mmCIF file of all heavy atoms, coordinates in Angstrom:
data_MODEL
# 
_entry.id   MODEL 
# 
loop_
_atom_site.group_PDB 
_atom_site.id 
_atom_site.type_symbol 
_atom_site.label_atom_id 
_atom_site.label_alt_id 
_atom_site.label_comp_id 
_atom_site.label_asym_id 
_atom_site.label_entity_id 
_atom_site.label_seq_id 
_atom_site.pdbx_PDB_ins_code 
_atom_site.Cartn_x 
_atom_site.Cartn_y 
_atom_site.Cartn_z 
_atom_site.occupancy 
_atom_site.B_iso_or_equiv 
_atom_site.pdbx_formal_charge 
_atom_site.auth_seq_id 
_atom_site.auth_comp_id 
_atom_site.auth_asym_id 
_atom_site.auth_atom_id 
_atom_site.pdbx_PDB_model_num 
ATOM 1   N N   . GLY A 1 1  ? 0.838  -1.211 0.008   1.00 0.00 ? 1  GLY A N   1 
ATOM 2   C CA  . GLY A 1 1  ? 0.001  -0.010 -0.008  1.00 0.00 ? 1  GLY A CA  1 
ATOM 3   C C   . GLY A 1 1  ? 0.842  1.253  -0.002  1.00 0.00 ? 1  GLY A C   1 
ATOM 4   O O   . GLY A 1 1  ? 0.543  2.235  -0.715  1.00 0.00 ? 1  GLY A O   1 
ATOM 5   N N   . GLU A 1 2  ? 1.927  1.214  0.740   1.00 0.00 ? 2  GLU A N   1 
ATOM 6   C CA  . GLU A 1 2  ? 2.833  2.376  0.812   1.00 0.00 ? 2  GLU A CA  1 
ATOM 7   C C   . GLU A 1 2  ? 3.511  2.597  -0.538  1.00 0.00 ? 2  GLU A C   1 
ATOM 8   O O   . GLU A 1 2  ? 3.748  3.741  -0.963  1.00 0.00 ? 2  GLU A O   1 
ATOM 9   C CB  . GLU A 1 2  ? 3.828  2.197  1.943   1.00 0.00 ? 2  GLU A CB  1 
ATOM 10  C CG  . GLU A 1 2  ? 3.113  2.243  3.286   1.00 0.00 ? 2  GLU A CG  1 
ATOM 11  C CD  . GLU A 1 2  ? 3.869  1.470  4.377   1.00 0.00 ? 2  GLU A CD  1 
ATOM 12  O OE1 . GLU A 1 2  ? 4.919  0.883  4.085   1.00 0.00 ? 2  GLU A OE1 1 
ATOM 13  O OE2 . GLU A 1 2  ? 3.336  1.471  5.508   1.00 0.00 ? 2  GLU A OE2 1 
ATOM 14  N N   . ALA A 1 3  ? 3.875  1.511  -1.214  1.00 0.00 ? 3  ALA A N   1 
ATOM 15  C CA  . ALA A 1 3  ? 4.509  1.616  -2.486  1.00 0.00 ? 3  ALA A CA  1 
ATOM 16  C C   . ALA A 1 3  ? 3.528  2.233  -3.541  1.00 0.00 ? 3  ALA A C   1 
ATOM 17  O O   . ALA A 1 3  ? 3.896  3.105  -4.365  1.00 0.00 ? 3  ALA A O   1 
ATOM 18  C CB  . ALA A 1 3  ? 4.969  0.259  -3.002  1.00 0.00 ? 3  ALA A CB  1 
ATOM 19  N N   . ILE A 1 4  ? 2.289  1.834  -3.480  1.00 0.00 ? 4  ILE A N   1 
ATOM 20  C CA  . ILE A 1 4  ? 1.231  2.390  -4.336  1.00 0.00 ? 4  ILE A CA  1 
ATOM 21  C C   . ILE A 1 4  ? 1.060  3.878  -4.061  1.00 0.00 ? 4  ILE A C   1 
ATOM 22  O O   . ILE A 1 4  ? 0.951  4.678  -5.010  1.00 0.00 ? 4  ILE A O   1 
ATOM 23  C CB  . ILE A 1 4  ? -0.097 1.601  -4.244  1.00 0.00 ? 4  ILE A CB  1 
ATOM 24  C CG1 . ILE A 1 4  ? 0.095  0.202  -4.800  1.00 0.00 ? 4  ILE A CG1 1 
ATOM 25  C CG2 . ILE A 1 4  ? -1.216 2.335  -4.907  1.00 0.00 ? 4  ILE A CG2 1 
ATOM 26  C CD1 . ILE A 1 4  ? -1.059 -0.763 -4.502  1.00 0.00 ? 4  ILE A CD1 1 
ATOM 27  N N   . LEU A 1 5  ? 1.068  4.244  -2.803  1.00 0.00 ? 5  LEU A N   1 
ATOM 28  C CA  . LEU A 1 5  ? 0.910  5.657  -2.410  1.00 0.00 ? 5  LEU A CA  1 
ATOM 29  C C   . LEU A 1 5  ? 2.091  6.450  -2.986  1.00 0.00 ? 5  LEU A C   1 
ATOM 30  O O   . LEU A 1 5  ? 1.910  7.564  -3.465  1.00 0.00 ? 5  LEU A O   1 
ATOM 31  C CB  . LEU A 1 5  ? 0.815  5.775  -0.905  1.00 0.00 ? 5  LEU A CB  1 
ATOM 32  C CG  . LEU A 1 5  ? 0.657  7.210  -0.323  1.00 0.00 ? 5  LEU A CG  1 
ATOM 33  C CD1 . LEU A 1 5  ? -0.659 7.820  -0.787  1.00 0.00 ? 5  LEU A CD1 1 
ATOM 34  C CD2 . LEU A 1 5  ? 0.752  7.162  1.168   1.00 0.00 ? 5  LEU A CD2 1 
ATOM 35  N N   . ALA A 1 6  ? 3.301  5.884  -2.825  1.00 0.00 ? 6  ALA A N   1 
ATOM 36  C CA  . ALA A 1 6  ? 4.514  6.628  -3.320  1.00 0.00 ? 6  ALA A CA  1 
ATOM 37  C C   . ALA A 1 6  ? 4.460  6.795  -4.818  1.00 0.00 ? 6  ALA A C   1 
ATOM 38  O O   . ALA A 1 6  ? 4.768  7.868  -5.322  1.00 0.00 ? 6  ALA A O   1 
ATOM 39  C CB  . ALA A 1 6  ? 5.755  5.809  -2.896  1.00 0.00 ? 6  ALA A CB  1 
ATOM 40  N N   . LEU A 1 7  ? 4.058  5.694  -5.545  1.00 0.00 ? 7  LEU A N   1 
ATOM 41  C CA  . LEU A 1 7  ? 3.974  5.818  -7.037  1.00 0.00 ? 7  LEU A CA  1 
ATOM 42  C C   . LEU A 1 7  ? 2.942  6.801  -7.463  1.00 0.00 ? 7  LEU A C   1 
ATOM 43  O O   . LEU A 1 7  ? 3.138  7.576  -8.404  1.00 0.00 ? 7  LEU A O   1 
ATOM 44  C CB  . LEU A 1 7  ? 3.723  4.460  -7.626  1.00 0.00 ? 7  LEU A CB  1 
ATOM 45  C CG  . LEU A 1 7  ? 4.884  3.458  -7.555  1.00 0.00 ? 7  LEU A CG  1 
ATOM 46  C CD1 . LEU A 1 7  ? 4.436  2.096  -8.042  1.00 0.00 ? 7  LEU A CD1 1 
ATOM 47  C CD2 . LEU A 1 7  ? 6.089  3.963  -8.334  1.00 0.00 ? 7  LEU A CD2 1 
ATOM 48  N N   . ALA A 1 8  ? 1.800  6.842  -6.748  1.00 0.00 ? 8  ALA A N   1 
ATOM 49  C CA  . ALA A 1 8  ? 0.766  7.859  -7.098  1.00 0.00 ? 8  ALA A CA  1 
ATOM 50  C C   . ALA A 1 8  ? 1.303  9.227  -6.834  1.00 0.00 ? 8  ALA A C   1 
ATOM 51  O O   . ALA A 1 8  ? 1.013  10.160 -7.617  1.00 0.00 ? 8  ALA A O   1 
ATOM 52  C CB  . ALA A 1 8  ? -0.482 7.520  -6.245  1.00 0.00 ? 8  ALA A CB  1 
ATOM 53  N N   . GLY A 1 9  ? 1.995  9.416  -5.762  1.00 0.00 ? 9  GLY A N   1 
ATOM 54  C CA  . GLY A 1 9  ? 2.595  10.710 -5.445  1.00 0.00 ? 9  GLY A CA  1 
ATOM 55  C C   . GLY A 1 9  ? 3.565  11.210 -6.499  1.00 0.00 ? 9  GLY A C   1 
ATOM 56  O O   . GLY A 1 9  ? 3.538  12.338 -6.916  1.00 0.00 ? 9  GLY A O   1 
ATOM 57  N N   . LEU A 1 10 ? 4.394  10.278 -6.931  1.00 0.00 ? 10 LEU A N   1 
ATOM 58  C CA  . LEU A 1 10 ? 5.310  10.578 -7.996  1.00 0.00 ? 10 LEU A CA  1 
ATOM 59  C C   . LEU A 1 10 ? 4.628  10.942 -9.308  1.00 0.00 ? 10 LEU A C   1 
ATOM 60  O O   . LEU A 1 10 ? 5.003  11.892 -10.047 1.00 0.00 ? 10 LEU A O   1 
ATOM 61  C CB  . LEU A 1 10 ? 6.294  9.487  -8.237  1.00 0.00 ? 10 LEU A CB  1 
ATOM 62  C CG  . LEU A 1 10 ? 7.336  9.256  -7.111  1.00 0.00 ? 10 LEU A CG  1 
ATOM 63  C CD1 . LEU A 1 10 ? 8.185  8.034  -7.388  1.00 0.00 ? 10 LEU A CD1 1 
ATOM 64  C CD2 . LEU A 1 10 ? 8.237  10.463 -6.956  1.00 0.00 ? 10 LEU A CD2 1 
ATOM 65  N N   . THR A 1 11 ? 3.554  10.223 -9.599  1.00 0.00 ? 11 THR A N   1 
ATOM 66  C CA  . THR A 1 11 ? 2.765  10.471 -10.822 1.00 0.00 ? 11 THR A CA  1 
ATOM 67  C C   . THR A 1 11 ? 2.119  11.834 -10.751 1.00 0.00 ? 11 THR A C   1 
ATOM 68  O O   . THR A 1 11 ? 2.158  12.615 -11.705 1.00 0.00 ? 11 THR A O   1 
ATOM 69  C CB  . THR A 1 11 ? 1.682  9.376  -10.997 1.00 0.00 ? 11 THR A CB  1 
ATOM 70  O OG1 . THR A 1 11 ? 2.350  8.118  -11.123 1.00 0.00 ? 11 THR A OG1 1 
ATOM 71  C CG2 . THR A 1 11 ? 0.876  9.619  -12.257 1.00 0.00 ? 11 THR A CG2 1 
ATOM 72  N N   . PHE A 1 12 ? 1.503  12.160 -9.606  1.00 0.00 ? 12 PHE A N   1 
ATOM 73  C CA  . PHE A 1 12 ? 0.853  13.455 -9.449  1.00 0.00 ? 12 PHE A CA  1 
ATOM 74  C C   . PHE A 1 12 ? 1.890  14.566 -9.582  1.00 0.00 ? 12 PHE A C   1 
ATOM 75  O O   . PHE A 1 12 ? 1.593  15.644 -10.175 1.00 0.00 ? 12 PHE A O   1 
ATOM 76  C CB  . PHE A 1 12 ? 0.137  13.567 -8.105  1.00 0.00 ? 12 PHE A CB  1 
ATOM 77  C CG  . PHE A 1 12 ? -1.103 12.735 -8.010  1.00 0.00 ? 12 PHE A CG  1 
ATOM 78  C CD1 . PHE A 1 12 ? -1.536 11.928 -8.992  1.00 0.00 ? 12 PHE A CD1 1 
ATOM 79  C CD2 . PHE A 1 12 ? -1.849 12.796 -6.832  1.00 0.00 ? 12 PHE A CD2 1 
ATOM 80  C CE1 . PHE A 1 12 ? -2.683 11.145 -8.865  1.00 0.00 ? 12 PHE A CE1 1 
ATOM 81  C CE2 . PHE A 1 12 ? -3.025 12.066 -6.676  1.00 0.00 ? 12 PHE A CE2 1 
ATOM 82  C CZ  . PHE A 1 12 ? -3.434 11.224 -7.722  1.00 0.00 ? 12 PHE A CZ  1 
ATOM 83  N N   . THR A 1 13 ? 3.029  14.410 -8.999  1.00 0.00 ? 13 THR A N   1 
ATOM 84  C CA  . THR A 1 13 ? 4.087  15.400 -9.052  1.00 0.00 ? 13 THR A CA  1 
ATOM 85  C C   . THR A 1 13 ? 4.555  15.625 -10.460 1.00 0.00 ? 13 THR A C   1 
ATOM 86  O O   . THR A 1 13 ? 4.676  16.741 -10.962 1.00 0.00 ? 13 THR A O   1 
ATOM 87  C CB  . THR A 1 13 ? 5.292  15.018 -8.160  1.00 0.00 ? 13 THR A CB  1 
ATOM 88  O OG1 . THR A 1 13 ? 4.836  14.886 -6.798  1.00 0.00 ? 13 THR A OG1 1 
ATOM 89  C CG2 . THR A 1 13 ? 6.391  16.063 -8.208  1.00 0.00 ? 13 THR A CG2 1 
ATOM 90  N N   . ALA A 1 14 ? 4.760  14.530 -11.204 1.00 0.00 ? 14 ALA A N   1 
ATOM 91  C CA  . ALA A 1 14 ? 5.163  14.618 -12.635 1.00 0.00 ? 14 ALA A CA  1 
ATOM 92  C C   . ALA A 1 14 ? 4.142  15.350 -13.465 1.00 0.00 ? 14 ALA A C   1 
ATOM 93  O O   . ALA A 1 14 ? 4.493  16.171 -14.305 1.00 0.00 ? 14 ALA A O   1 
ATOM 94  C CB  . ALA A 1 14 ? 5.459  13.246 -13.174 1.00 0.00 ? 14 ALA A CB  1 
ATOM 95  N N   . GLN A 1 15 ? 2.890  15.051 -13.229 1.00 0.00 ? 15 GLN A N   1 
ATOM 96  C CA  . GLN A 1 15 ? 1.880  15.786 -13.983 1.00 0.00 ? 15 GLN A CA  1 
ATOM 97  C C   . GLN A 1 15 ? 1.815  17.225 -13.622 1.00 0.00 ? 15 GLN A C   1 
ATOM 98  O O   . GLN A 1 15 ? 1.671  18.075 -14.476 1.00 0.00 ? 15 GLN A O   1 
ATOM 99  C CB  . GLN A 1 15 ? 0.487  15.086 -13.717 1.00 0.00 ? 15 GLN A CB  1 
ATOM 100 C CG  . GLN A 1 15 ? 0.319  13.820 -14.424 1.00 0.00 ? 15 GLN A CG  1 
ATOM 101 C CD  . GLN A 1 15 ? -1.032 13.195 -14.230 1.00 0.00 ? 15 GLN A CD  1 
ATOM 102 O OE1 . GLN A 1 15 ? -1.559 13.171 -13.122 1.00 0.00 ? 15 GLN A OE1 1 
ATOM 103 N NE2 . GLN A 1 15 ? -1.604 12.632 -15.263 1.00 0.00 ? 15 GLN A NE2 1 
ATOM 104 N N   . GLY A 1 16 ? 1.930  17.560 -12.337 1.00 0.00 ? 16 GLY A N   1 
ATOM 105 C CA  . GLY A 1 16 ? 1.911  18.954 -11.912 1.00 0.00 ? 16 GLY A CA  1 
ATOM 106 C C   . GLY A 1 16 ? 3.064  19.733 -12.494 1.00 0.00 ? 16 GLY A C   1 
ATOM 107 O O   . GLY A 1 16 ? 2.968  20.907 -12.786 1.00 0.00 ? 16 GLY A O   1 
ATOM 108 N N   . LEU A 1 17 ? 4.202  19.065 -12.687 1.00 0.00 ? 17 LEU A N   1 
ATOM 109 C CA  . LEU A 1 17 ? 5.408  19.674 -13.282 1.00 0.00 ? 17 LEU A CA  1 
ATOM 110 C C   . LEU A 1 17 ? 5.312  19.785 -14.787 1.00 0.00 ? 17 LEU A C   1 
ATOM 111 O O   . LEU A 1 17 ? 6.122  20.416 -15.403 1.00 0.00 ? 17 LEU A O   1 
ATOM 112 C CB  . LEU A 1 17 ? 6.661  18.925 -12.885 1.00 0.00 ? 17 LEU A CB  1 
ATOM 113 C CG  . LEU A 1 17 ? 7.080  19.027 -11.403 1.00 0.00 ? 17 LEU A CG  1 
ATOM 114 C CD1 . LEU A 1 17 ? 8.202  18.107 -11.128 1.00 0.00 ? 17 LEU A CD1 1 
ATOM 115 C CD2 . LEU A 1 17 ? 7.457  20.484 -11.076 1.00 0.00 ? 17 LEU A CD2 1 
ATOM 116 N N   . GLY A 1 18 ? 4.309  19.096 -15.370 1.00 0.00 ? 18 GLY A N   1 
ATOM 117 C CA  . GLY A 1 18 ? 4.117  19.124 -16.803 1.00 0.00 ? 18 GLY A CA  1 
ATOM 118 C C   . GLY A 1 18 ? 5.040  18.144 -17.547 1.00 0.00 ? 18 GLY A C   1 
ATOM 119 O O   . GLY A 1 18 ? 5.285  18.287 -18.750 1.00 0.00 ? 18 GLY A O   1 
ATOM 120 N N   . LEU A 1 19 ? 5.527  17.123 -16.857 1.00 0.00 ? 19 LEU A N   1 
ATOM 121 C CA  . LEU A 1 19 ? 6.390  16.130 -17.507 1.00 0.00 ? 19 LEU A CA  1 
ATOM 122 C C   . LEU A 1 19 ? 5.647  15.094 -18.337 1.00 0.00 ? 19 LEU A C   1 
ATOM 123 O O   . LEU A 1 19 ? 6.264  14.320 -19.001 1.00 0.00 ? 19 LEU A O   1 
ATOM 124 C CB  . LEU A 1 19 ? 7.250  15.447 -16.382 1.00 0.00 ? 19 LEU A CB  1 
ATOM 125 C CG  . LEU A 1 19 ? 8.114  16.291 -15.562 1.00 0.00 ? 19 LEU A CG  1 
ATOM 126 C CD1 . LEU A 1 19 ? 8.788  15.497 -14.454 1.00 0.00 ? 19 LEU A CD1 1 
ATOM 127 C CD2 . LEU A 1 19 ? 9.160  17.002 -16.418 1.00 0.00 ? 19 LEU A CD2 1 
ATOM 128 N N   . THR A 1 20 ? 4.307  15.151 -18.206 1.00 0.00 ? 20 THR A N   1 
ATOM 129 C CA  . THR A 1 20 ? 3.486  14.174 -18.886 1.00 0.00 ? 20 THR A CA  1 
ATOM 130 C C   . THR A 1 20 ? 2.556  14.869 -19.889 1.00 0.00 ? 20 THR A C   1 
ATOM 131 O O   . THR A 1 20 ? 1.358  14.526 -20.007 1.00 0.00 ? 20 THR A O   1 
ATOM 132 C CB  . THR A 1 20 ? 2.635  13.348 -17.881 1.00 0.00 ? 20 THR A CB  1 
ATOM 133 O OG1 . THR A 1 20 ? 1.817  14.229 -17.146 1.00 0.00 ? 20 THR A OG1 1 
ATOM 134 C CG2 . THR A 1 20 ? 3.508  12.586 -16.949 1.00 0.00 ? 20 THR A CG2 1 
ATOM 135 N N   . ARG A 1 21 ? 3.063  15.831 -20.585 1.00 0.00 ? 21 ARG A N   1 
ATOM 136 C CA  . ARG A 1 21 ? 2.240  16.632 -21.529 1.00 0.00 ? 21 ARG A CA  1 
ATOM 137 C C   . ARG A 1 21 ? 1.671  15.791 -22.633 1.00 0.00 ? 21 ARG A C   1 
ATOM 138 O O   . ARG A 1 21 ? 0.671  16.193 -23.273 1.00 0.00 ? 21 ARG A O   1 
ATOM 139 C CB  . ARG A 1 21 ? 2.989  17.814 -22.067 1.00 0.00 ? 21 ARG A CB  1 
ATOM 140 C CG  . ARG A 1 21 ? 3.202  18.862 -21.035 1.00 0.00 ? 21 ARG A CG  1 
ATOM 141 C CD  . ARG A 1 21 ? 3.664  20.189 -21.651 1.00 0.00 ? 21 ARG A CD  1 
ATOM 142 N NE  . ARG A 1 21 ? 3.936  21.145 -20.605 1.00 0.00 ? 21 ARG A NE  1 
ATOM 143 C CZ  . ARG A 1 21 ? 5.104  21.561 -20.278 1.00 0.00 ? 21 ARG A CZ  1 
ATOM 144 N NH1 . ARG A 1 21 ? 6.177  21.176 -20.939 1.00 0.00 ? 21 ARG A NH1 1 
ATOM 145 N NH2 . ARG A 1 21 ? 5.294  22.470 -19.296 1.00 0.00 ? 21 ARG A NH2 1 
ATOM 146 N N   . SER A 1 22 ? 2.288  14.695 -22.940 1.00 0.00 ? 22 SER A N   1 
ATOM 147 C CA  . SER A 1 22 ? 1.792  13.829 -24.032 1.00 0.00 ? 22 SER A CA  1 
ATOM 148 C C   . SER A 1 22 ? 0.438  13.175 -23.673 1.00 0.00 ? 22 SER A C   1 
ATOM 149 O O   . SER A 1 22 ? -0.259 12.742 -24.543 1.00 0.00 ? 22 SER A O   1 
ATOM 150 C CB  . SER A 1 22 ? 2.803  12.753 -24.415 1.00 0.00 ? 22 SER A CB  1 
ATOM 151 O OG  . SER A 1 22 ? 3.022  11.914 -23.301 1.00 0.00 ? 22 SER A OG  1 
ATOM 152 N N   . VAL A 1 23 ? 0.136  13.136 -22.397 1.00 0.00 ? 23 VAL A N   1 
ATOM 153 C CA  . VAL A 1 23 ? -1.133 12.592 -21.909 1.00 0.00 ? 23 VAL A CA  1 
ATOM 154 C C   . VAL A 1 23 ? -1.986 13.812 -21.476 1.00 0.00 ? 23 VAL A C   1 
ATOM 155 O O   . VAL A 1 23 ? -1.584 14.620 -20.691 1.00 0.00 ? 23 VAL A O   1 
ATOM 156 C CB  . VAL A 1 23 ? -0.929 11.687 -20.683 1.00 0.00 ? 23 VAL A CB  1 
ATOM 157 C CG1 . VAL A 1 23 ? -2.221 11.165 -20.157 1.00 0.00 ? 23 VAL A CG1 1 
ATOM 158 C CG2 . VAL A 1 23 ? 0.043  10.532 -21.033 1.00 0.00 ? 23 VAL A CG2 1 
ATOM 159 N N   . ARG A 1 24 ? -3.145 13.873 -22.107 1.00 0.00 ? 24 ARG A N   1 
ATOM 160 C CA  . ARG A 1 24 ? -4.067 15.000 -21.743 1.00 0.00 ? 24 ARG A CA  1 
ATOM 161 C C   . ARG A 1 24 ? -4.594 14.854 -20.293 1.00 0.00 ? 24 ARG A C   1 
ATOM 162 O O   . ARG A 1 24 ? -5.122 13.794 -19.988 1.00 0.00 ? 24 ARG A O   1 
ATOM 163 C CB  . ARG A 1 24 ? -5.210 15.120 -22.728 1.00 0.00 ? 24 ARG A CB  1 
ATOM 164 C CG  . ARG A 1 24 ? -4.762 15.513 -24.084 1.00 0.00 ? 24 ARG A CG  1 
ATOM 165 C CD  . ARG A 1 24 ? -5.941 15.779 -24.951 1.00 0.00 ? 24 ARG A CD  1 
ATOM 166 N NE  . ARG A 1 24 ? -6.830 16.705 -24.234 1.00 0.00 ? 24 ARG A NE  1 
ATOM 167 C CZ  . ARG A 1 24 ? -7.547 17.648 -24.815 1.00 0.00 ? 24 ARG A CZ  1 
ATOM 168 N NH1 . ARG A 1 24 ? -7.498 17.803 -26.096 1.00 0.00 ? 24 ARG A NH1 1 
ATOM 169 N NH2 . ARG A 1 24 ? -8.340 18.419 -24.107 1.00 0.00 ? 24 ARG A NH2 1 
ATOM 170 N N   . SER A 1 25 ? -4.406 15.849 -19.498 1.00 0.00 ? 25 SER A N   1 
ATOM 171 C CA  . SER A 1 25 ? -4.862 15.795 -18.128 1.00 0.00 ? 25 SER A CA  1 
ATOM 172 C C   . SER A 1 25 ? -5.077 17.195 -17.610 1.00 0.00 ? 25 SER A C   1 
ATOM 173 O O   . SER A 1 25 ? -4.297 18.106 -17.957 1.00 0.00 ? 25 SER A O   1 
ATOM 174 C CB  . SER A 1 25 ? -3.870 15.054 -17.239 1.00 0.00 ? 25 SER A CB  1 
ATOM 175 O OG  . SER A 1 25 ? -4.240 15.124 -15.898 1.00 0.00 ? 25 SER A OG  1 
ATOM 176 N N   . VAL A 1 26 ? -6.091 17.390 -16.785 1.00 0.00 ? 26 VAL A N   1 
ATOM 177 C CA  . VAL A 1 26 ? -6.273 18.724 -16.161 1.00 0.00 ? 26 VAL A CA  1 
ATOM 178 C C   . VAL A 1 26 ? -5.261 18.955 -15.091 1.00 0.00 ? 26 VAL A C   1 
ATOM 179 O O   . VAL A 1 26 ? -5.135 20.068 -14.556 1.00 0.00 ? 26 VAL A O   1 
ATOM 180 C CB  . VAL A 1 26 ? -7.732 18.867 -15.547 1.00 0.00 ? 26 VAL A CB  1 
ATOM 181 C CG1 . VAL A 1 26 ? -8.746 18.782 -16.670 1.00 0.00 ? 26 VAL A CG1 1 
ATOM 182 C CG2 . VAL A 1 26 ? -7.949 17.790 -14.533 1.00 0.00 ? 26 VAL A CG2 1 
ATOM 183 N N   . MET A 1 27 ? -4.468 17.952 -14.736 1.00 0.00 ? 27 MET A N   1 
ATOM 184 C CA  . MET A 1 27 ? -3.459 18.086 -13.701 1.00 0.00 ? 27 MET A CA  1 
ATOM 185 C C   . MET A 1 27 ? -2.109 18.604 -14.269 1.00 0.00 ? 27 MET A C   1 
ATOM 186 O O   . MET A 1 27 ? -1.251 19.014 -13.476 1.00 0.00 ? 27 MET A O   1 
ATOM 187 C CB  . MET A 1 27 ? -3.200 16.708 -13.011 1.00 0.00 ? 27 MET A CB  1 
ATOM 188 C CG  . MET A 1 27 ? -4.394 16.249 -12.280 1.00 0.00 ? 27 MET A CG  1 
ATOM 189 S SD  . MET A 1 27 ? -4.284 14.546 -11.757 1.00 0.00 ? 27 MET A SD  1 
ATOM 190 C CE  . MET A 1 27 ? -2.853 14.488 -10.732 1.00 0.00 ? 27 MET A CE  1 
# 
């Protein structure tokens, strides 16, 4: 569960930084 939480956190951070612009997201 902690690993899933960490991966979700990294994903949210990457989206917030704009590192995932190839994927359309409001984040």
